[in-house]
PDB file of all heavy atoms in Angstrom:
ATOM      1  N   PRO A   1     -58.996 272.735 174.563  1.00  0.00           N
ATOM      2  CA  PRO A   1     -59.255 273.693 173.526  1.00  0.00           C
ATOM      3  C   PRO A   1     -59.952 273.124 172.301  1.00  0.00           C
ATOM      4  O   PRO A   1     -60.178 273.793 171.326  1.00  0.00           O
ATOM      5  CB  PRO A   1     -57.842 274.167 173.111  1.00  0.00           C
ATOM      6  CG  PRO A   1     -57.013 272.939 173.393  1.00  0.00           C
ATOM      7  CD  PRO A   1     -57.565 272.274 174.577  1.00  0.00           C
ATOM      8  N   LEU A   2     -60.248 271.773 172.342  1.00  0.00           N
ATOM      9  CA  LEU A   2     -60.898 271.231 171.156  1.00  0.00           C
ATOM     10  C   LEU A   2     -62.276 271.802 170.954  1.00  0.00           C
ATOM     11  O   LEU A   2     -63.028 272.059 171.863  1.00  0.00           O
ATOM     12  CB  LEU A   2     -61.007 269.672 171.330  1.00  0.00           C
ATOM     13  CG  LEU A   2     -59.693 268.921 171.484  1.00  0.00           C
ATOM     14  CD1 LEU A   2     -59.953 267.426 171.610  1.00  0.00           C
ATOM     15  CD2 LEU A   2     -58.797 269.134 170.215  1.00  0.00           C
ATOM     16  N   PRO A   3     -62.680 271.934 169.674  1.00  0.00           N
ATOM     17  CA  PRO A   3     -64.054 272.374 169.377  1.00  0.00           C
ATOM     18  C   PRO A   3     -65.048 271.344 169.872  1.00  0.00           C
ATOM     19  O   PRO A   3     -64.724 270.119 170.029  1.00  0.00           O
ATOM     20  CB  PRO A   3     -64.035 272.488 167.841  1.00  0.00           C
ATOM     21  CG  PRO A   3     -62.587 272.613 167.443  1.00  0.00           C
ATOM     22  CD  PRO A   3     -61.879 271.795 168.471  1.00  0.00           C
ATOM     23  N   ALA A   4     -66.305 271.838 170.078  1.00  0.00           N
ATOM     24  CA  ALA A   4     -67.320 270.878 170.471  1.00  0.00           C
ATOM     25  C   ALA A   4     -67.493 269.746 169.423  1.00  0.00           C
ATOM     26  O   ALA A   4     -67.473 269.994 168.221  1.00  0.00           O
ATOM     27  CB  ALA A   4     -68.606 271.669 170.573  1.00  0.00           C
ATOM     28  N   GLY A   5     -67.633 268.570 169.934  1.00  0.00           N
ATOM     29  CA  GLY A   5     -67.768 267.455 169.041  1.00  0.00           C
ATOM     30  C   GLY A   5     -66.522 266.626 168.821  1.00  0.00           C
ATOM     31  O   GLY A   5     -66.573 265.567 168.186  1.00  0.00           O
ATOM     32  N   PHE A   6     -65.359 267.183 169.212  1.00  0.00           N
ATOM     33  CA  PHE A   6     -64.030 266.515 168.988  1.00  0.00           C
ATOM     34  C   PHE A   6     -63.496 265.948 170.272  1.00  0.00           C
ATOM     35  O   PHE A   6     -63.726 266.473 171.371  1.00  0.00           O
ATOM     36  CB  PHE A   6     -63.006 267.487 168.401  1.00  0.00           C
ATOM     37  CG  PHE A   6     -63.293 267.782 166.911  1.00  0.00           C
ATOM     38  CD1 PHE A   6     -64.256 268.634 166.497  1.00  0.00           C
ATOM     39  CD2 PHE A   6     -62.565 267.107 165.930  1.00  0.00           C
ATOM     40  CE1 PHE A   6     -64.461 268.949 165.150  1.00  0.00           C
ATOM     41  CE2 PHE A   6     -62.738 267.334 164.592  1.00  0.00           C
ATOM     42  CZ  PHE A   6     -63.713 268.277 164.186  1.00  0.00           C
ATOM     43  N   VAL A   7     -62.729 264.877 170.131  1.00  0.00           N
ATOM     44  CA  VAL A   7     -62.079 264.220 171.279  1.00  0.00           C
ATOM     45  C   VAL A   7     -60.676 263.738 170.847  1.00  0.00           C
ATOM     46  O   VAL A   7     -60.432 263.592 169.717  1.00  0.00           O
ATOM     47  CB  VAL A   7     -62.915 262.965 171.810  1.00  0.00           C
ATOM     48  CG1 VAL A   7     -64.257 263.394 172.299  1.00  0.00           C
ATOM     49  CG2 VAL A   7     -63.026 261.943 170.670  1.00  0.00           C
ATOM     50  N   ARG A   8     -59.873 263.502 171.864  1.00  0.00           N
ATOM     51  CA  ARG A   8     -58.617 262.809 171.599  1.00  0.00           C
ATOM     52  C   ARG A   8     -58.837 261.281 171.726  1.00  0.00           C
ATOM     53  O   ARG A   8     -59.449 260.825 172.733  1.00  0.00           O
ATOM     54  CB  ARG A   8     -57.535 263.264 172.582  1.00  0.00           C
ATOM     55  CG  ARG A   8     -57.150 264.783 172.340  1.00  0.00           C
ATOM     56  CD  ARG A   8     -56.053 265.252 173.277  1.00  0.00           C
ATOM     57  NE  ARG A   8     -55.711 266.600 172.849  1.00  0.00           N
ATOM     58  CZ  ARG A   8     -56.354 267.663 173.221  1.00  0.00           C
ATOM     59  NH1 ARG A   8     -57.459 267.549 174.052  1.00  0.00           N
ATOM     60  NH2 ARG A   8     -56.028 268.900 172.829  1.00  0.00           N
ATOM     61  N   LEU A   9     -58.411 260.576 170.747  1.00  0.00           N
ATOM     62  CA  LEU A   9     -58.711 259.165 170.649  1.00  0.00           C
ATOM     63  C   LEU A   9     -58.289 258.441 171.948  1.00  0.00           C
ATOM     64  O   LEU A   9     -59.004 257.487 172.410  1.00  0.00           O
ATOM     65  CB  LEU A   9     -58.012 258.516 169.508  1.00  0.00           C
ATOM     66  CG  LEU A   9     -58.226 257.012 169.262  1.00  0.00           C
ATOM     67  CD1 LEU A   9     -59.720 256.679 169.102  1.00  0.00           C
ATOM     68  CD2 LEU A   9     -57.451 256.515 168.051  1.00  0.00           C
ATOM     69  N   ALA A  10     -57.172 258.798 172.504  1.00  0.00           N
ATOM     70  CA  ALA A  10     -56.649 258.134 173.755  1.00  0.00           C
ATOM     71  C   ALA A  10     -57.617 258.305 174.891  1.00  0.00           C
ATOM     72  O   ALA A  10     -57.597 257.400 175.788  1.00  0.00           O
ATOM     73  CB  ALA A  10     -55.319 258.670 174.101  1.00  0.00           C
ATOM     74  N   ASP A  11     -58.463 259.339 174.882  1.00  0.00           N
ATOM     75  CA  ASP A  11     -59.447 259.484 175.974  1.00  0.00           C
ATOM     76  C   ASP A  11     -60.668 258.544 175.786  1.00  0.00           C
ATOM     77  O   ASP A  11     -61.373 258.358 176.728  1.00  0.00           O
ATOM     78  CB  ASP A  11     -59.912 260.934 176.021  1.00  0.00           C
ATOM     79  CG  ASP A  11     -58.802 261.910 176.434  1.00  0.00           C
ATOM     80  OD1 ASP A  11     -57.872 261.477 177.177  1.00  0.00           O
ATOM     81  OD2 ASP A  11     -58.877 263.078 176.127  1.00  0.00           O
ATOM     82  N   VAL A  12     -60.782 258.087 174.553  1.00  0.00           N
ATOM     83  CA  VAL A  12     -61.938 257.163 174.241  1.00  0.00           C
ATOM     84  C   VAL A  12     -61.432 255.740 174.326  1.00  0.00           C
ATOM     85  O   VAL A  12     -62.116 254.862 174.879  1.00  0.00           O
ATOM     86  CB  VAL A  12     -62.524 257.502 172.899  1.00  0.00           C
ATOM     87  CG1 VAL A  12     -63.625 256.481 172.494  1.00  0.00           C
ATOM     88  CG2 VAL A  12     -63.117 258.911 172.917  1.00  0.00           C
ATOM     89  N   ASP A  13     -60.285 255.475 173.720  1.00  0.00           N
ATOM     90  CA  ASP A  13     -59.690 254.113 173.685  1.00  0.00           C
ATOM     91  C   ASP A  13     -58.225 254.172 173.711  1.00  0.00           C
ATOM     92  O   ASP A  13     -57.537 254.328 172.633  1.00  0.00           O
ATOM     93  CB  ASP A  13     -60.238 253.346 172.437  1.00  0.00           C
ATOM     94  CG  ASP A  13     -59.951 251.851 172.612  1.00  0.00           C
ATOM     95  OD1 ASP A  13     -58.939 251.480 173.188  1.00  0.00           O
ATOM     96  OD2 ASP A  13     -60.725 251.051 172.025  1.00  0.00           O
ATOM     97  N   PRO A  14     -57.605 254.119 174.830  1.00  0.00           N
ATOM     98  CA  PRO A  14     -56.150 254.215 174.910  1.00  0.00           C
ATOM     99  C   PRO A  14     -55.415 252.959 174.409  1.00  0.00           C
ATOM    100  O   PRO A  14     -54.153 252.953 174.293  1.00  0.00           O
ATOM    101  CB  PRO A  14     -55.873 254.399 176.417  1.00  0.00           C
ATOM    102  CG  PRO A  14     -57.072 253.807 177.088  1.00  0.00           C
ATOM    103  CD  PRO A  14     -58.210 254.045 176.175  1.00  0.00           C
ATOM    104  N   THR A  15     -56.147 251.934 174.111  1.00  0.00           N
ATOM    105  CA  THR A  15     -55.473 250.680 173.625  1.00  0.00           C
ATOM    106  C   THR A  15     -55.138 250.729 172.149  1.00  0.00           C
ATOM    107  O   THR A  15     -54.337 249.895 171.676  1.00  0.00           O
ATOM    108  CB  THR A  15     -56.420 249.435 173.839  1.00  0.00           C
ATOM    109  OG1 THR A  15     -57.561 249.480 172.982  1.00  0.00           O
ATOM    110  CG2 THR A  15     -56.900 249.386 175.257  1.00  0.00           C
ATOM    111  N   ILE A  16     -55.700 251.652 171.361  1.00  0.00           N
ATOM    112  CA  ILE A  16     -55.372 251.834 170.001  1.00  0.00           C
ATOM    113  C   ILE A  16     -54.030 252.441 169.849  1.00  0.00           C
ATOM    114  O   ILE A  16     -53.716 253.497 170.435  1.00  0.00           O
ATOM    115  CB  ILE A  16     -56.422 252.638 169.250  1.00  0.00           C
ATOM    116  CG1 ILE A  16     -57.827 251.961 169.310  1.00  0.00           C
ATOM    117  CG2 ILE A  16     -56.024 252.918 167.826  1.00  0.00           C
ATOM    118  CD1 ILE A  16     -58.954 252.757 168.729  1.00  0.00           C
ATOM    119  N   ARG A  17     -53.134 251.831 169.116  1.00  0.00           N
ATOM    120  CA  ARG A  17     -51.795 252.312 168.933  1.00  0.00           C
ATOM    121  C   ARG A  17     -51.753 253.500 167.999  1.00  0.00           C
ATOM    122  O   ARG A  17     -52.386 253.567 166.983  1.00  0.00           O
ATOM    123  CB  ARG A  17     -50.840 251.143 168.346  1.00  0.00           C
ATOM    124  CG  ARG A  17     -49.403 251.443 168.436  1.00  0.00           C
ATOM    125  CD  ARG A  17     -48.639 250.257 167.830  1.00  0.00           C
ATOM    126  NE  ARG A  17     -48.874 249.063 168.612  1.00  0.00           N
ATOM    127  CZ  ARG A  17     -48.455 247.849 168.237  1.00  0.00           C
ATOM    128  NH1 ARG A  17     -47.888 247.658 167.091  1.00  0.00           N
ATOM    129  NH2 ARG A  17     -48.707 246.787 168.974  1.00  0.00           N
ATOM    130  N   GLN A  18     -50.968 254.529 168.386  1.00  0.00           N
ATOM    131  CA  GLN A  18     -50.858 255.750 167.599  1.00  0.00           C
ATOM    132  C   GLN A  18     -49.434 255.935 167.061  1.00  0.00           C
ATOM    133  O   GLN A  18     -48.473 255.833 167.830  1.00  0.00           O
ATOM    134  CB  GLN A  18     -51.295 256.986 168.417  1.00  0.00           C
ATOM    135  CG  GLN A  18     -52.758 256.908 168.885  1.00  0.00           C
ATOM    136  CD  GLN A  18     -53.230 258.226 169.486  1.00  0.00           C
ATOM    137  OE1 GLN A  18     -52.736 259.317 169.106  1.00  0.00           O
ATOM    138  NE2 GLN A  18     -54.167 258.107 170.444  1.00  0.00           N
ATOM    139  N   ASP A  19     -49.366 256.176 165.759  1.00  0.00           N
ATOM    140  CA  ASP A  19     -48.113 256.445 165.076  1.00  0.00           C
ATOM    141  C   ASP A  19     -48.318 257.589 164.120  1.00  0.00           C
ATOM    142  O   ASP A  19     -48.342 257.351 162.892  1.00  0.00           O
ATOM    143  CB  ASP A  19     -47.646 255.161 164.356  1.00  0.00           C
ATOM    144  CG  ASP A  19     -46.270 255.270 163.716  1.00  0.00           C
ATOM    145  OD1 ASP A  19     -45.611 256.252 163.936  1.00  0.00           O
ATOM    146  OD2 ASP A  19     -45.952 254.319 162.993  1.00  0.00           O
ATOM    147  N   ILE A  20     -48.543 258.788 164.653  1.00  0.00           N
ATOM    148  CA  ILE A  20     -48.985 259.919 163.796  1.00  0.00           C
ATOM    149  C   ILE A  20     -47.775 260.460 163.020  1.00  0.00           C
ATOM    150  O   ILE A  20     -46.951 261.180 163.578  1.00  0.00           O
ATOM    151  CB  ILE A  20     -49.589 260.993 164.737  1.00  0.00           C
ATOM    152  CG1 ILE A  20     -50.717 260.401 165.606  1.00  0.00           C
ATOM    153  CG2 ILE A  20     -50.133 262.158 163.877  1.00  0.00           C
ATOM    154  CD1 ILE A  20     -51.822 259.777 164.873  1.00  0.00           C
ATOM    155  N   ARG A  21     -47.775 260.142 161.750  1.00  0.00           N
ATOM    156  CA  ARG A  21     -46.570 260.432 160.892  1.00  0.00           C
ATOM    157  C   ARG A  21     -46.322 261.892 160.560  1.00  0.00           C
ATOM    158  O   ARG A  21     -45.164 262.284 160.432  1.00  0.00           O
ATOM    159  CB  ARG A  21     -46.708 259.576 159.623  1.00  0.00           C
ATOM    160  CG  ARG A  21     -46.531 258.087 159.872  1.00  0.00           C
ATOM    161  CD  ARG A  21     -45.133 257.762 160.233  1.00  0.00           C
ATOM    162  NE  ARG A  21     -44.942 256.434 160.765  1.00  0.00           N
ATOM    163  CZ  ARG A  21     -43.878 255.693 160.467  1.00  0.00           C
ATOM    164  NH1 ARG A  21     -42.960 256.135 159.628  1.00  0.00           N
ATOM    165  NH2 ARG A  21     -43.709 254.538 161.069  1.00  0.00           N
ATOM    166  N   TYR A  22     -47.373 262.691 160.484  1.00  0.00           N
ATOM    167  CA  TYR A  22     -47.161 264.087 160.032  1.00  0.00           C
ATOM    168  C   TYR A  22     -46.669 265.000 161.207  1.00  0.00           C
ATOM    169  O   TYR A  22     -46.348 266.127 161.003  1.00  0.00           O
ATOM    170  CB  TYR A  22     -48.428 264.662 159.370  1.00  0.00           C
ATOM    171  CG  TYR A  22     -48.828 263.871 158.208  1.00  0.00           C
ATOM    172  CD1 TYR A  22     -50.213 263.593 157.998  1.00  0.00           C
ATOM    173  CD2 TYR A  22     -47.944 263.460 157.240  1.00  0.00           C
ATOM    174  CE1 TYR A  22     -50.578 262.846 156.896  1.00  0.00           C
ATOM    175  CE2 TYR A  22     -48.346 262.750 156.120  1.00  0.00           C
ATOM    176  CZ  TYR A  22     -49.687 262.447 155.962  1.00  0.00           C
ATOM    177  OH  TYR A  22     -50.077 261.728 154.875  1.00  0.00           O
ATOM    178  N   ALA A  23     -46.543 264.380 162.399  1.00  0.00           N
ATOM    179  CA  ALA A  23     -46.019 265.118 163.506  1.00  0.00           C
ATOM    180  C   ALA A  23     -44.513 264.873 163.640  1.00  0.00           C
ATOM    181  O   ALA A  23     -43.894 265.449 164.527  1.00  0.00           O
ATOM    182  CB  ALA A  23     -46.699 264.713 164.805  1.00  0.00           C
ATOM    183  N   GLY A  24     -44.004 264.138 162.794  1.00  0.00           N
ATOM    184  CA  GLY A  24     -42.521 263.777 162.809  1.00  0.00           C
ATOM    185  C   GLY A  24     -41.853 263.913 161.446  1.00  0.00           C
ATOM    186  O   GLY A  24     -42.359 264.719 160.568  1.00  0.00           O
ATOM    187  N   LEU A  25     -40.815 263.239 161.175  1.00  0.00           N
ATOM    188  CA  LEU A  25     -40.039 263.373 159.979  1.00  0.00           C
ATOM    189  C   LEU A  25     -40.209 262.210 158.988  1.00  0.00           C
ATOM    190  O   LEU A  25     -39.892 262.395 157.821  1.00  0.00           O
ATOM    191  CB  LEU A  25     -38.556 263.381 160.314  1.00  0.00           C
ATOM    192  CG  LEU A  25     -38.067 264.474 161.293  1.00  0.00           C
ATOM    193  CD1 LEU A  25     -36.579 264.440 161.559  1.00  0.00           C
ATOM    194  CD2 LEU A  25     -38.429 265.875 160.776  1.00  0.00           C
ATOM    195  N   GLU A  26     -40.757 261.081 159.427  1.00  0.00           N
ATOM    196  CA  GLU A  26     -40.903 259.884 158.518  1.00  0.00           C
ATOM    197  C   GLU A  26     -42.247 259.963 157.844  1.00  0.00           C
ATOM    198  O   GLU A  26     -43.148 259.151 158.094  1.00  0.00           O
ATOM    199  CB  GLU A  26     -40.669 258.603 159.342  1.00  0.00           C
ATOM    200  CG  GLU A  26     -39.272 258.353 159.740  1.00  0.00           C
ATOM    201  CD  GLU A  26     -39.050 256.912 160.198  1.00  0.00           C
ATOM    202  OE1 GLU A  26     -39.987 256.336 160.764  1.00  0.00           O
ATOM    203  OE2 GLU A  26     -37.922 256.385 159.989  1.00  0.00           O
ATOM    204  N   ASN A  27     -42.266 260.873 156.912  1.00  0.00           N
ATOM    205  CA  ASN A  27     -43.471 260.987 156.051  1.00  0.00           C
ATOM    206  C   ASN A  27     -42.987 261.518 154.665  1.00  0.00           C
ATOM    207  O   ASN A  27     -41.820 261.848 154.466  1.00  0.00           O
ATOM    208  CB  ASN A  27     -44.536 261.925 156.622  1.00  0.00           C
ATOM    209  CG  ASN A  27     -43.962 263.311 156.938  1.00  0.00           C
ATOM    210  OD1 ASN A  27     -43.650 264.050 156.015  1.00  0.00           O
ATOM    211  ND2 ASN A  27     -43.837 263.638 158.238  1.00  0.00           N
ATOM    212  N   PHE A  28     -43.907 261.633 153.732  1.00  0.00           N
ATOM    213  CA  PHE A  28     -43.500 262.038 152.368  1.00  0.00           C
ATOM    214  C   PHE A  28     -42.910 263.451 152.256  1.00  0.00           C
ATOM    215  O   PHE A  28     -42.234 263.758 151.322  1.00  0.00           O
ATOM    216  CB  PHE A  28     -44.674 261.800 151.362  1.00  0.00           C
ATOM    217  CG  PHE A  28     -45.778 262.743 151.518  1.00  0.00           C
ATOM    218  CD1 PHE A  28     -45.855 263.967 150.790  1.00  0.00           C
ATOM    219  CD2 PHE A  28     -46.844 262.479 152.345  1.00  0.00           C
ATOM    220  CE1 PHE A  28     -46.903 264.820 150.910  1.00  0.00           C
ATOM    221  CE2 PHE A  28     -47.969 263.314 152.475  1.00  0.00           C
ATOM    222  CZ  PHE A  28     -47.958 264.522 151.759  1.00  0.00           C
ATOM    223  N   LEU A  29     -43.209 264.305 153.239  1.00  0.00           N
ATOM    224  CA  LEU A  29     -42.662 265.670 153.274  1.00  0.00           C
ATOM    225  C   LEU A  29     -41.236 265.679 153.809  1.00  0.00           C
ATOM    226  O   LEU A  29     -40.527 266.628 153.594  1.00  0.00           O
ATOM    227  CB  LEU A  29     -43.505 266.568 154.195  1.00  0.00           C
ATOM    228  CG  LEU A  29     -44.988 266.789 153.843  1.00  0.00           C
ATOM    229  CD1 LEU A  29     -45.710 267.475 155.018  1.00  0.00           C
ATOM    230  CD2 LEU A  29     -45.107 267.632 152.562  1.00  0.00           C
ATOM    231  N   HIS A  30     -40.890 264.579 154.545  1.00  0.00           N
ATOM    232  CA  HIS A  30     -39.558 264.486 155.238  1.00  0.00           C
ATOM    233  C   HIS A  30     -39.428 265.640 156.268  1.00  0.00           C
ATOM    234  O   HIS A  30     -38.311 266.021 156.645  1.00  0.00           O
ATOM    235  CB  HIS A  30     -38.432 264.548 154.210  1.00  0.00           C
ATOM    236  CG  HIS A  30     -38.395 263.470 153.256  1.00  0.00           C
ATOM    237  ND1 HIS A  30     -37.953 262.181 153.556  1.00  0.00           N
ATOM    238  CD2 HIS A  30     -38.772 263.403 151.957  1.00  0.00           C
ATOM    239  CE1 HIS A  30     -38.050 261.385 152.566  1.00  0.00           C
ATOM    240  NE2 HIS A  30     -38.579 262.052 151.524  1.00  0.00           N
ATOM    241  N   ARG A  31     -40.552 266.089 156.789  1.00  0.00           N
ATOM    242  CA  ARG A  31     -40.556 267.098 157.839  1.00  0.00           C
ATOM    243  C   ARG A  31     -42.004 267.121 158.519  1.00  0.00           C
ATOM    244  O   ARG A  31     -42.851 266.493 157.996  1.00  0.00           O
ATOM    245  CB  ARG A  31     -40.189 268.477 157.299  1.00  0.00           C
ATOM    246  CG  ARG A  31     -41.266 269.007 156.241  1.00  0.00           C
ATOM    247  CD  ARG A  31     -41.048 270.454 155.912  1.00  0.00           C
ATOM    248  NE  ARG A  31     -41.852 270.907 154.830  1.00  0.00           N
ATOM    249  CZ  ARG A  31     -43.152 271.218 154.885  1.00  0.00           C
ATOM    250  NH1 ARG A  31     -43.777 271.088 156.035  1.00  0.00           N
ATOM    251  NH2 ARG A  31     -43.787 271.670 153.842  1.00  0.00           N
ATOM    252  N   LYS A  32     -42.088 267.831 159.620  1.00  0.00           N
ATOM    253  CA  LYS A  32     -43.358 267.959 160.238  1.00  0.00           C
ATOM    254  C   LYS A  32     -44.280 268.813 159.433  1.00  0.00           C
ATOM    255  O   LYS A  32     -43.897 269.840 158.778  1.00  0.00           O
ATOM    256  CB  LYS A  32     -43.179 268.614 161.623  1.00  0.00           C
ATOM    257  CG  LYS A  32     -44.494 268.666 162.478  1.00  0.00           C
ATOM    258  CD  LYS A  32     -44.156 269.326 163.828  1.00  0.00           C
ATOM    259  CE  LYS A  32     -43.190 268.565 164.656  1.00  0.00           C
ATOM    260  NZ  LYS A  32     -43.053 269.161 166.035  1.00  0.00           N
ATOM    261  N   ALA A  33     -45.525 268.386 159.359  1.00  0.00           N
ATOM    262  CA  ALA A  33     -46.535 269.206 158.558  1.00  0.00           C
ATOM    263  C   ALA A  33     -47.035 270.383 159.432  1.00  0.00           C
ATOM    264  O   ALA A  33     -47.096 270.236 160.635  1.00  0.00           O
ATOM    265  CB  ALA A  33     -47.682 268.318 158.159  1.00  0.00           C
ATOM    266  N   ASP A  34     -47.405 271.434 158.837  1.00  0.00           N
ATOM    267  CA  ASP A  34     -47.948 272.577 159.526  1.00  0.00           C
ATOM    268  C   ASP A  34     -49.184 272.207 160.282  1.00  0.00           C
ATOM    269  O   ASP A  34     -50.074 271.608 159.776  1.00  0.00           O
ATOM    270  CB  ASP A  34     -48.246 273.755 158.505  1.00  0.00           C
ATOM    271  CG  ASP A  34     -48.520 275.056 159.164  1.00  0.00           C
ATOM    272  OD1 ASP A  34     -48.205 275.174 160.361  1.00  0.00           O
ATOM    273  OD2 ASP A  34     -49.046 275.967 158.466  1.00  0.00           O
ATOM    274  N   GLY A  35     -49.234 272.655 161.575  1.00  0.00           N
ATOM    275  CA  GLY A  35     -50.437 272.430 162.361  1.00  0.00           C
ATOM    276  C   GLY A  35     -50.339 271.156 163.280  1.00  0.00           C
ATOM    277  O   GLY A  35     -51.185 270.997 164.139  1.00  0.00           O
ATOM    278  N   TYR A  36     -49.322 270.330 163.068  1.00  0.00           N
ATOM    279  CA  TYR A  36     -49.150 269.181 163.965  1.00  0.00           C
ATOM    280  C   TYR A  36     -48.163 269.531 165.120  1.00  0.00           C
ATOM    281  O   TYR A  36     -46.937 269.469 164.907  1.00  0.00           O
ATOM    282  CB  TYR A  36     -48.610 268.001 163.166  1.00  0.00           C
ATOM    283  CG  TYR A  36     -49.661 267.322 162.302  1.00  0.00           C
ATOM    284  CD1 TYR A  36     -49.997 267.901 161.031  1.00  0.00           C
ATOM    285  CD2 TYR A  36     -50.335 266.202 162.759  1.00  0.00           C
ATOM    286  CE1 TYR A  36     -51.007 267.283 160.265  1.00  0.00           C
ATOM    287  CE2 TYR A  36     -51.281 265.599 161.963  1.00  0.00           C
ATOM    288  CZ  TYR A  36     -51.679 266.151 160.740  1.00  0.00           C
ATOM    289  OH  TYR A  36     -52.597 265.555 159.961  1.00  0.00           O
ATOM    290  N   GLU A  37     -48.707 269.868 166.251  1.00  0.00           N
ATOM    291  CA  GLU A  37     -47.894 270.280 167.379  1.00  0.00           C
ATOM    292  C   GLU A  37     -47.601 269.062 168.288  1.00  0.00           C
ATOM    293  O   GLU A  37     -46.781 269.190 169.192  1.00  0.00           O
ATOM    294  CB  GLU A  37     -48.526 271.397 168.153  1.00  0.00           C
ATOM    295  CG  GLU A  37     -48.753 272.677 167.365  1.00  0.00           C
ATOM    296  CD  GLU A  37     -49.482 273.780 168.085  1.00  0.00           C
ATOM    297  OE1 GLU A  37     -49.704 273.633 169.293  1.00  0.00           O
ATOM    298  OE2 GLU A  37     -49.801 274.778 167.445  1.00  0.00           O
ATOM    299  N   ALA A  38     -48.293 267.954 168.065  1.00  0.00           N
ATOM    300  CA  ALA A  38     -48.095 266.793 168.880  1.00  0.00           C
ATOM    301  C   ALA A  38     -48.486 265.525 168.129  1.00  0.00           C
ATOM    302  O   ALA A  38     -49.366 265.632 167.223  1.00  0.00           O
ATOM    303  CB  ALA A  38     -48.851 266.897 170.207  1.00  0.00           C
ATOM    304  N   PRO A  39     -47.876 264.359 168.378  1.00  0.00           N
ATOM    305  CA  PRO A  39     -48.270 263.147 167.688  1.00  0.00           C
ATOM    306  C   PRO A  39     -49.533 262.503 168.269  1.00  0.00           C
ATOM    307  O   PRO A  39     -49.476 261.458 168.922  1.00  0.00           O
ATOM    308  CB  PRO A  39     -47.000 262.228 167.835  1.00  0.00           C
ATOM    309  CG  PRO A  39     -46.449 262.720 169.176  1.00  0.00           C
ATOM    310  CD  PRO A  39     -46.718 264.202 169.284  1.00  0.00           C
ATOM    311  N   VAL A  40     -50.635 263.169 168.075  1.00  0.00           N
ATOM    312  CA  VAL A  40     -51.840 262.804 168.793  1.00  0.00           C
ATOM    313  C   VAL A  40     -53.017 262.632 167.756  1.00  0.00           C
ATOM    314  O   VAL A  40     -53.160 263.458 166.832  1.00  0.00           O
ATOM    315  CB  VAL A  40     -52.229 263.926 169.829  1.00  0.00           C
ATOM    316  CG1 VAL A  40     -53.638 263.590 170.401  1.00  0.00           C
ATOM    317  CG2 VAL A  40     -51.220 263.960 170.924  1.00  0.00           C
ATOM    318  N   CYS A  41     -53.817 261.624 167.968  1.00  0.00           N
ATOM    319  CA  CYS A  41     -54.975 261.390 167.116  1.00  0.00           C
ATOM    320  C   CYS A  41     -56.157 262.111 167.720  1.00  0.00           C
ATOM    321  O   CYS A  41     -56.595 261.876 168.861  1.00  0.00           O
ATOM    322  CB  CYS A  41     -55.272 259.918 166.975  1.00  0.00           C
ATOM    323  SG  CYS A  41     -56.813 259.503 166.087  1.00  0.00           S
TER     324      CYS A  41
END
């Protein structure tokens, strides 16, 4: 479903470590941010 021109980083380089903070609780909001349905770059 990604728009043209966008990719998931893991499909380009799976060796880069991902720690997507706004998809979880350990961020300055102390909750998930709107629009983050998965911890994916």
